[in-house]
Amino acid sequence: MLDDMVRGYLTCALWAGPEDENGEPLDKNRTLKDFSSEAVTSATADCKKFLNENRADLENYYSTVQRDGGDDPLAYAGHDFFLTRNHHGAGFWDRDGIEKSLGERLTKASQGFVESCPYIGDDRRLYFS
């Protein structure tokens, strides 16, 4: 369960992250394997804390996403958690089919986490600020 959420979180970080040194989106030339072990550990800890603190709301979220044809609700949760905590203008609050109050609770919980964006380290691995 947690692994799928972390995978969605890291995939979103690649997609929504900054451009690389060549002005290309991170997800054009990078994969999940490019994240440092520190970045994976950090993402896992944040996702686990978010999951544990919001379990009931996330279970409701999962069943709504599945009902609406979502392929992997756990990955969607990781994706929405990354976007929402980093104030990307999308996330839990605007996911199709989610009750407004549920989206608002998950948004508030996400925004209780500090922003954490990927960057390329000197070793060319990806880390979180």
N, C-alpha and C. Protein backbone atom coordinates (compact mmCIF):
# COMPACT_ATOMS: atom_id res chain seq x y z
N MET A 1 0.82 -1.19 0.00
CA MET A 1 0.00 0.00 0.00
C MET A 1 0.87 1.26 0.00
N LEU A 2 1.78 1.36 0.96
CA LEU A 2 2.65 2.53 1.05
C LEU A 2 3.55 2.64 -0.17
N ASP A 3 4.05 1.50 -0.68
CA ASP A 3 4.93 1.53 -1.85
C ASP A 3 4.25 2.17 -3.06
N ASP A 4 2.97 1.87 -3.27
CA ASP A 4 2.25 2.46 -4.40
C ASP A 4 2.09 3.97 -4.22
N MET A 5 1.83 4.39 -3.00
CA MET A 5 1.69 5.82 -2.74
C MET A 5 3.02 6.55 -2.97
N VAL A 6 4.11 5.97 -2.50
CA VAL A 6 5.44 6.56 -2.70
C VAL A 6 5.78 6.61 -4.19
N ARG A 7 5.45 5.56 -4.92
CA ARG A 7 5.70 5.54 -6.37
C ARG A 7 4.94 6.68 -7.05
N GLY A 8 3.67 6.88 -6.68
CA GLY A 8 2.90 7.98 -7.24
C GLY A 8 3.47 9.33 -6.87
N TYR A 9 3.95 9.45 -5.64
CA TYR A 9 4.54 10.70 -5.15
C TYR A 9 5.81 11.03 -5.94
N LEU A 10 6.71 10.05 -6.08
CA LEU A 10 7.97 10.28 -6.80
C LEU A 10 7.75 10.51 -8.29
N THR A 11 6.80 9.79 -8.87
CA THR A 11 6.48 10.00 -10.28
C THR A 11 5.97 11.42 -10.51
N CYS A 12 5.13 11.89 -9.60
CA CYS A 12 4.62 13.26 -9.71
C CYS A 12 5.75 14.27 -9.52
N ALA A 13 6.67 13.99 -8.61
CA ALA A 13 7.80 14.90 -8.38
C ALA A 13 8.63 15.05 -9.66
N LEU A 14 8.80 13.96 -10.41
CA LEU A 14 9.50 14.05 -11.69
C LEU A 14 8.71 14.89 -12.69
N TRP A 15 7.42 14.64 -12.75
CA TRP A 15 6.56 15.32 -13.72
C TRP A 15 6.40 16.81 -13.41
N ALA A 16 6.22 17.14 -12.14
CA ALA A 16 5.94 18.53 -11.74
C ALA A 16 7.19 19.28 -11.31
N GLY A 17 8.31 18.58 -11.25
CA GLY A 17 9.54 19.18 -10.75
C GLY A 17 10.13 20.22 -11.69
N PRO A 18 11.24 20.77 -11.29
CA PRO A 18 11.89 21.80 -12.10
C PRO A 18 12.52 21.21 -13.36
N GLU A 19 12.97 22.06 -14.22
CA GLU A 19 13.68 21.60 -15.41
C GLU A 19 15.10 21.17 -15.02
N ASP A 20 15.68 20.33 -15.84
CA ASP A 20 17.06 19.93 -15.59
C ASP A 20 18.01 21.00 -16.13
N GLU A 21 19.30 20.73 -16.08
CA GLU A 21 20.31 21.71 -16.50
C GLU A 21 20.23 22.06 -17.98
N ASN A 22 19.53 21.25 -18.77
CA ASN A 22 19.37 21.51 -20.21
C ASN A 22 18.02 22.14 -20.54
N GLY A 23 17.27 22.51 -19.51
CA GLY A 23 15.97 23.12 -19.73
C GLY A 23 14.87 22.12 -20.07
N GLU A 24 15.13 20.84 -19.85
CA GLU A 24 14.16 19.79 -20.13
C GLU A 24 13.40 19.43 -18.85
N PRO A 25 12.14 19.02 -18.97
CA PRO A 25 11.42 18.54 -17.78
C PRO A 25 12.15 17.34 -17.19
N LEU A 26 12.14 17.23 -15.88
CA LEU A 26 12.85 16.12 -15.23
C LEU A 26 12.40 14.77 -15.76
N ASP A 27 11.10 14.61 -16.01
CA ASP A 27 10.61 13.30 -16.41
C ASP A 27 10.94 12.93 -17.86
N LYS A 28 11.56 13.83 -18.58
CA LYS A 28 11.94 13.50 -19.96
C LYS A 28 13.15 12.58 -19.98
N ASN A 29 14.13 12.84 -19.11
CA ASN A 29 15.38 12.07 -19.13
C ASN A 29 15.69 11.37 -17.81
N ARG A 30 14.77 11.46 -16.87
CA ARG A 30 15.00 10.85 -15.55
C ARG A 30 13.90 9.84 -15.25
N THR A 31 14.23 8.90 -14.37
CA THR A 31 13.26 7.89 -13.92
C THR A 31 13.30 7.83 -12.40
N LEU A 32 12.46 6.99 -11.84
CA LEU A 32 12.44 6.82 -10.39
C LEU A 32 13.79 6.34 -9.86
N LYS A 33 14.55 5.65 -10.68
CA LYS A 33 15.86 5.15 -10.26
C LYS A 33 16.87 6.27 -10.03
N ASP A 34 16.57 7.47 -10.51
CA ASP A 34 17.48 8.60 -10.33
C ASP A 34 17.35 9.28 -8.97
N PHE A 35 16.34 8.91 -8.20
CA PHE A 35 16.22 9.48 -6.86
C PHE A 35 17.26 8.86 -5.93
N SER A 36 17.86 9.69 -5.13
CA SER A 36 18.83 9.21 -4.14
C SER A 36 18.09 8.40 -3.07
N SER A 37 18.85 7.58 -2.36
CA SER A 37 18.23 6.81 -1.27
C SER A 37 17.67 7.75 -0.21
N GLU A 38 18.32 8.90 0.00
CA GLU A 38 17.81 9.88 0.97
C GLU A 38 16.47 10.44 0.52
N ALA A 39 16.33 10.69 -0.77
CA ALA A 39 15.06 11.21 -1.29
C ALA A 39 13.94 10.19 -1.14
N VAL A 40 14.24 8.94 -1.44
CA VAL A 40 13.24 7.88 -1.31
C VAL A 40 12.85 7.71 0.16
N THR A 41 13.83 7.75 1.05
CA THR A 41 13.55 7.64 2.48
C THR A 41 12.68 8.79 2.96
N SER A 42 12.99 10.00 2.52
CA SER A 42 12.22 11.17 2.90
C SER A 42 10.79 11.09 2.38
N ALA A 43 10.63 10.72 1.11
CA ALA A 43 9.29 10.60 0.51
C ALA A 43 8.49 9.51 1.21
N THR A 44 9.14 8.40 1.53
CA THR A 44 8.47 7.30 2.21
C THR A 44 8.00 7.73 3.60
N ALA A 45 8.85 8.42 4.33
CA ALA A 45 8.48 8.88 5.68
C ALA A 45 7.31 9.85 5.63
N ASP A 46 7.34 10.79 4.68
CA ASP A 46 6.24 11.76 4.57
C ASP A 46 4.94 11.08 4.15
N CYS A 47 5.02 10.18 3.18
CA CYS A 47 3.81 9.46 2.75
C CYS A 47 3.25 8.60 3.88
N LYS A 48 4.13 7.94 4.61
CA LYS A 48 3.69 7.09 5.72
C LYS A 48 3.00 7.93 6.79
N LYS A 49 3.59 9.06 7.15
CA LYS A 49 2.99 9.94 8.15
C LYS A 49 1.63 10.45 7.67
N PHE A 50 1.57 10.89 6.41
CA PHE A 50 0.31 11.38 5.85
C PHE A 50 -0.74 10.27 5.84
N LEU A 51 -0.36 9.09 5.44
CA LEU A 51 -1.26 7.95 5.40
C LEU A 51 -1.78 7.61 6.80
N ASN A 52 -0.88 7.54 7.77
CA ASN A 52 -1.28 7.19 9.12
C ASN A 52 -2.19 8.24 9.76
N GLU A 53 -1.94 9.51 9.47
CA GLU A 53 -2.72 10.59 10.07
C GLU A 53 -4.07 10.81 9.38
N ASN A 54 -4.23 10.25 8.19
CA ASN A 54 -5.44 10.52 7.40
C ASN A 54 -6.05 9.24 6.83
N ARG A 55 -5.87 8.15 7.53
CA ARG A 55 -6.27 6.84 7.02
C ARG A 55 -7.74 6.77 6.61
N ALA A 56 -8.64 7.22 7.46
CA ALA A 56 -10.08 7.12 7.15
C ALA A 56 -10.43 7.95 5.92
N ASP A 57 -9.92 9.17 5.85
CA ASP A 57 -10.20 10.01 4.67
C ASP A 57 -9.58 9.42 3.41
N LEU A 58 -8.40 8.84 3.52
CA LEU A 58 -7.75 8.26 2.35
C LEU A 58 -8.50 7.01 1.87
N GLU A 59 -9.05 6.23 2.78
CA GLU A 59 -9.84 5.06 2.37
C GLU A 59 -11.07 5.51 1.59
N ASN A 60 -11.70 6.60 2.02
CA ASN A 60 -12.83 7.16 1.29
C ASN A 60 -12.37 7.65 -0.08
N TYR A 61 -11.24 8.32 -0.11
CA TYR A 61 -10.65 8.81 -1.36
C TYR A 61 -10.39 7.64 -2.32
N TYR A 62 -9.77 6.56 -1.81
CA TYR A 62 -9.45 5.40 -2.65
C TYR A 62 -10.71 4.83 -3.29
N SER A 63 -11.76 4.66 -2.47
CA SER A 63 -12.97 4.05 -3.03
C SER A 63 -13.62 4.96 -4.06
N THR A 64 -13.54 6.27 -3.88
CA THR A 64 -14.09 7.20 -4.88
C THR A 64 -13.30 7.13 -6.17
N VAL A 65 -11.97 7.13 -6.08
CA VAL A 65 -11.13 7.07 -7.28
C VAL A 65 -11.36 5.75 -8.02
N GLN A 66 -11.46 4.65 -7.30
CA GLN A 66 -11.70 3.35 -7.94
C GLN A 66 -13.06 3.33 -8.62
N ARG A 67 -14.07 3.85 -7.96
CA ARG A 67 -15.42 3.87 -8.51
C ARG A 67 -15.46 4.69 -9.81
N ASP A 68 -14.65 5.74 -9.87
CA ASP A 68 -14.63 6.60 -11.05
C ASP A 68 -13.66 6.11 -12.13
N GLY A 69 -13.16 4.89 -11.98
CA GLY A 69 -12.33 4.29 -13.03
C GLY A 69 -10.84 4.53 -12.91
N GLY A 70 -10.37 5.05 -11.77
CA GLY A 70 -8.95 5.25 -11.57
C GLY A 70 -8.21 3.94 -11.51
N ASP A 71 -7.07 3.86 -12.18
CA ASP A 71 -6.31 2.61 -12.24
C ASP A 71 -5.64 2.26 -10.91
N ASP A 72 -5.08 3.24 -10.24
CA ASP A 72 -4.30 2.98 -9.04
C ASP A 72 -4.53 4.10 -8.02
N PRO A 73 -5.55 3.95 -7.18
CA PRO A 73 -5.87 5.04 -6.25
C PRO A 73 -4.75 5.38 -5.28
N LEU A 74 -3.91 4.43 -4.94
CA LEU A 74 -2.80 4.73 -4.04
C LEU A 74 -1.78 5.63 -4.73
N ALA A 75 -1.51 5.36 -5.98
CA ALA A 75 -0.59 6.23 -6.73
C ALA A 75 -1.20 7.62 -6.91
N TYR A 76 -2.52 7.68 -7.15
CA TYR A 76 -3.19 8.98 -7.24
C TYR A 76 -3.04 9.75 -5.94
N ALA A 77 -3.15 9.06 -4.81
CA ALA A 77 -3.01 9.72 -3.50
C ALA A 77 -1.61 10.31 -3.36
N GLY A 78 -0.59 9.56 -3.75
CA GLY A 78 0.78 10.08 -3.71
C GLY A 78 0.94 11.28 -4.61
N HIS A 79 0.37 11.21 -5.80
CA HIS A 79 0.41 12.30 -6.77
C HIS A 79 -0.26 13.55 -6.19
N ASP A 80 -1.46 13.38 -5.66
CA ASP A 80 -2.19 14.53 -5.10
C ASP A 80 -1.51 15.08 -3.86
N PHE A 81 -0.92 14.22 -3.04
CA PHE A 81 -0.19 14.68 -1.86
C PHE A 81 0.99 15.56 -2.28
N PHE A 82 1.76 15.13 -3.28
CA PHE A 82 2.89 15.94 -3.73
C PHE A 82 2.42 17.30 -4.25
N LEU A 83 1.42 17.29 -5.13
CA LEU A 83 0.93 18.55 -5.70
C LEU A 83 0.38 19.49 -4.63
N THR A 84 -0.41 18.93 -3.73
CA THR A 84 -1.09 19.76 -2.74
C THR A 84 -0.12 20.35 -1.73
N ARG A 85 0.80 19.56 -1.23
CA ARG A 85 1.75 20.07 -0.22
C ARG A 85 2.65 21.15 -0.79
N ASN A 86 2.88 21.08 -2.12
CA ASN A 86 3.76 22.03 -2.77
C ASN A 86 3.01 23.16 -3.47
N HIS A 87 1.73 23.26 -3.21
CA HIS A 87 0.90 24.37 -3.69
C HIS A 87 0.95 24.53 -5.21
N HIS A 88 0.81 23.42 -5.94
CA HIS A 88 0.88 23.44 -7.40
C HIS A 88 -0.41 23.89 -8.08
N GLY A 89 -1.45 24.17 -7.32
CA GLY A 89 -2.70 24.61 -7.93
C GLY A 89 -3.58 23.46 -8.39
N ALA A 90 -3.25 22.27 -7.98
CA ALA A 90 -4.05 21.07 -8.25
C ALA A 90 -3.79 20.10 -7.11
N GLY A 91 -4.63 19.12 -6.98
CA GLY A 91 -4.42 18.13 -5.92
C GLY A 91 -5.72 17.57 -5.41
N PHE A 92 -5.74 17.24 -4.13
CA PHE A 92 -6.91 16.60 -3.54
C PHE A 92 -8.18 17.41 -3.73
N TRP A 93 -8.09 18.71 -3.57
CA TRP A 93 -9.26 19.56 -3.60
C TRP A 93 -9.95 19.63 -4.95
N ASP A 94 -9.26 19.24 -6.03
CA ASP A 94 -9.91 19.32 -7.33
C ASP A 94 -9.96 17.98 -8.08
N ARG A 95 -9.71 16.89 -7.38
CA ARG A 95 -9.80 15.56 -8.00
C ARG A 95 -11.27 15.28 -8.35
N ASP A 96 -11.53 14.90 -9.58
CA ASP A 96 -12.89 14.61 -10.03
C ASP A 96 -13.54 13.55 -9.14
N GLY A 97 -14.79 13.81 -8.79
CA GLY A 97 -15.58 12.84 -8.04
C GLY A 97 -15.40 12.87 -6.54
N ILE A 98 -14.44 13.63 -6.03
CA ILE A 98 -14.19 13.67 -4.60
C ILE A 98 -15.14 14.68 -3.95
N GLU A 99 -15.76 14.28 -2.85
CA GLU A 99 -16.61 15.21 -2.11
C GLU A 99 -15.79 16.42 -1.69
N LYS A 100 -16.41 17.58 -1.76
CA LYS A 100 -15.71 18.82 -1.45
C LYS A 100 -15.10 18.79 -0.05
N SER A 101 -15.86 18.34 0.94
CA SER A 101 -15.34 18.33 2.32
C SER A 101 -14.16 17.37 2.47
N LEU A 102 -14.20 16.23 1.77
CA LEU A 102 -13.09 15.28 1.81
C LEU A 102 -11.84 15.91 1.19
N GLY A 103 -11.99 16.52 0.04
CA GLY A 103 -10.87 17.20 -0.62
C GLY A 103 -10.29 18.30 0.25
N GLU A 104 -11.16 19.04 0.93
CA GLU A 104 -10.69 20.13 1.80
C GLU A 104 -9.91 19.58 2.99
N ARG A 105 -10.37 18.48 3.59
CA ARG A 105 -9.65 17.90 4.73
C ARG A 105 -8.28 17.38 4.31
N LEU A 106 -8.22 16.69 3.18
CA LEU A 106 -6.94 16.16 2.70
C LEU A 106 -6.01 17.29 2.26
N THR A 107 -6.57 18.36 1.72
CA THR A 107 -5.76 19.52 1.36
C THR A 107 -5.16 20.16 2.60
N LYS A 108 -5.97 20.36 3.62
CA LYS A 108 -5.48 20.96 4.86
C LYS A 108 -4.38 20.09 5.48
N ALA A 109 -4.59 18.79 5.48
CA ALA A 109 -3.59 17.87 6.04
C ALA A 109 -2.29 17.92 5.23
N SER A 110 -2.41 17.98 3.90
CA SER A 110 -1.22 18.04 3.03
C SER A 110 -0.44 19.32 3.27
N GLN A 111 -1.16 20.41 3.42
CA GLN A 111 -0.50 21.69 3.57
C GLN A 111 0.10 21.88 4.97
N GLY A 112 -0.11 20.91 5.84
CA GLY A 112 0.57 20.89 7.12
C GLY A 112 2.03 20.44 6.99
N PHE A 113 2.38 19.93 5.82
CA PHE A 113 3.75 19.52 5.52
C PHE A 113 4.44 20.68 4.80
N VAL A 114 5.71 20.88 5.08
CA VAL A 114 6.45 21.94 4.38
C VAL A 114 6.65 21.53 2.93
N GLU A 115 6.84 22.52 2.07
CA GLU A 115 7.11 22.23 0.67
C GLU A 115 8.41 21.44 0.55
N SER A 116 8.43 20.55 -0.43
CA SER A 116 9.59 19.70 -0.64
C SER A 116 9.69 19.39 -2.13
N CYS A 117 10.61 20.05 -2.79
CA CYS A 117 10.74 19.93 -4.25
C CYS A 117 12.04 19.23 -4.62
N PRO A 118 12.03 18.49 -5.74
CA PRO A 118 13.25 17.80 -6.15
C PRO A 118 14.29 18.76 -6.73
N TYR A 119 15.52 18.39 -6.57
CA TYR A 119 16.63 19.11 -7.21
C TYR A 119 17.71 18.10 -7.55
N ILE A 120 18.57 18.48 -8.47
CA ILE A 120 19.66 17.61 -8.92
C ILE A 120 20.90 17.93 -8.09
N GLY A 121 21.40 16.92 -7.41
CA GLY A 121 22.60 17.09 -6.59
C GLY A 121 23.87 17.06 -7.43
N ASP A 122 24.98 17.37 -6.79
CA ASP A 122 26.28 17.36 -7.47
C ASP A 122 26.62 15.98 -8.04
N ASP A 123 26.05 14.93 -7.43
CA ASP A 123 26.29 13.57 -7.89
C ASP A 123 25.31 13.14 -8.99
N ARG A 124 24.48 14.10 -9.47
CA ARG A 124 23.49 13.91 -10.53
C ARG A 124 22.27 13.13 -10.07
N ARG A 125 22.19 12.79 -8.80
CA ARG A 125 21.02 12.10 -8.23
C ARG A 125 19.99 13.16 -7.84
N LEU A 126 18.74 12.75 -7.67
CA LEU A 126 17.67 13.65 -7.26
C LEU A 126 17.48 13.61 -5.75
N TYR A 127 17.32 14.78 -5.17
CA TYR A 127 17.10 14.96 -3.74
C TYR A 127 15.88 15.86 -3.55
N PHE A 128 15.41 15.96 -2.32
CA PHE A 128 14.33 16.89 -1.98
C PHE A 128 14.86 18.00 -1.11
N SER A 129 14.39 19.22 -1.39
CA SER A 129 14.80 20.38 -0.59
C SER A 129 14.09 20.35 0.75
